[in-house]
Amino acid sequence: MKKYKVDFLTYTSDNFVKSNCGDITFVNGGTNTVVINDSLKLFSGSSLSLSANENEIDETTYSFRFLGLPGAGNLLTVLRKIFI
């Protein structure tokens, strides 16, 4: 049995997150669209989950930026399943 912890990270401005985990989920809780890695649009109220296979770790650095007015309507929550 492998142990893990779940990180909850919250962002309200353009930034990046290093995955270094088995599973990662992005949840757009704001009103502005979020663009992940300059290619995927995550609309308000939607989420994106990426899961690794057993014994795999995702080492991607994900960048994201908000479309719309700075600060107003920006809320991205990132959940990471990290094996310990």
Protein backbone atom coordinates (compact mmCIF):
# COMPACT_ATOMS: atom_id res chain seq x y z
CA MET A 1 0.00 0.00 0.00
CA LYS A 2 1.33 3.42 -0.98
CA LYS A 3 0.72 6.50 1.13
CA TYR A 4 -0.17 9.84 -0.40
CA LYS A 5 -1.36 13.30 0.52
CA VAL A 6 -3.60 15.70 -1.38
CA ASP A 7 -2.46 19.30 -1.84
CA PHE A 8 -5.05 22.03 -2.41
CA LEU A 9 -3.56 25.11 -4.08
CA THR A 10 -5.54 28.26 -4.88
CA TYR A 11 -4.54 30.90 -7.43
CA THR A 12 -6.07 34.25 -8.35
CA SER A 13 -3.41 35.46 -10.81
CA ASP A 14 -1.36 34.07 -13.68
CA ASN A 15 1.18 31.54 -12.41
CA PHE A 16 2.47 27.99 -12.82
CA VAL A 17 2.44 24.78 -10.81
CA LYS A 18 4.85 21.85 -10.94
CA SER A 19 2.88 18.66 -10.95
CA ASN A 20 5.32 16.10 -9.45
CA CYS A 21 2.35 13.92 -8.55
CA GLY A 22 0.25 10.98 -9.65
CA ASP A 23 -3.00 12.86 -10.30
CA ILE A 24 -3.71 16.54 -10.81
CA THR A 25 -7.03 18.38 -11.14
CA PHE A 26 -7.69 21.98 -12.16
CA VAL A 27 -11.01 23.53 -11.07
CA ASN A 28 -12.08 26.92 -12.39
CA GLY A 29 -14.21 28.35 -9.60
CA GLY A 30 -14.12 31.89 -10.95
CA THR A 31 -15.99 33.67 -13.70
CA ASN A 32 -13.00 34.22 -16.01
CA THR A 33 -11.72 31.55 -18.38
CA VAL A 34 -8.33 30.01 -17.53
CA VAL A 35 -5.88 29.01 -20.27
CA ILE A 36 -3.57 26.11 -19.33
CA ASN A 37 -0.21 25.76 -21.10
CA ASP A 38 -1.30 28.30 -23.74
CA SER A 39 -3.58 25.74 -25.37
CA LEU A 40 -6.49 24.48 -23.26
CA LYS A 41 -9.33 26.78 -22.20
CA LEU A 42 -10.98 25.92 -18.90
CA PHE A 43 -14.29 27.76 -18.74
CA SER A 44 -16.01 28.97 -15.57
CA GLY A 45 -17.33 26.09 -13.47
CA SER A 46 -15.42 23.40 -15.35
CA SER A 47 -12.53 21.16 -14.35
CA LEU A 48 -9.75 19.09 -15.88
CA SER A 49 -8.38 15.92 -14.25
CA LEU A 50 -5.24 14.11 -15.37
CA SER A 51 -4.37 10.72 -13.89
CA ALA A 52 -1.15 8.76 -14.13
CA ASN A 53 -0.97 5.00 -14.35
CA GLU A 54 0.25 2.96 -11.41
CA ASN A 55 3.90 3.72 -10.55
CA GLU A 56 3.94 6.83 -12.76
CA ILE A 57 4.58 10.42 -11.69
CA ASP A 58 3.61 13.43 -13.82
CA GLU A 59 6.53 15.89 -13.84
CA THR A 60 4.91 18.51 -16.07
CA THR A 61 5.10 22.20 -15.21
CA TYR A 62 1.66 23.64 -15.99
CA SER A 63 1.39 27.35 -16.69
CA PHE A 64 -1.94 29.12 -16.58
CA ARG A 65 -3.31 32.56 -17.24
CA PHE A 66 -6.68 34.18 -16.72
CA LEU A 67 -8.65 35.89 -19.48
CA GLY A 68 -10.52 39.02 -18.42
CA LEU A 69 -9.91 41.75 -15.90
CA PRO A 70 -7.01 41.13 -13.48
CA GLY A 71 -8.17 39.87 -10.09
CA ALA A 72 -11.89 40.17 -10.71
CA GLY A 73 -13.39 36.73 -11.29
CA ASN A 74 -10.08 34.81 -11.06
CA LEU A 75 -10.14 31.60 -9.02
CA LEU A 76 -8.30 28.40 -9.93
CA THR A 77 -7.97 25.53 -7.47
CA VAL A 78 -5.39 22.83 -8.16
CA LEU A 79 -5.54 19.46 -6.39
CA ARG A 80 -2.46 17.22 -6.50
CA LYS A 81 -2.24 13.61 -5.28
CA ILE A 82 1.35 13.31 -4.06
CA PHE A 83 2.83 9.98 -3.00
CA ILE A 84 4.90 10.10 0.18
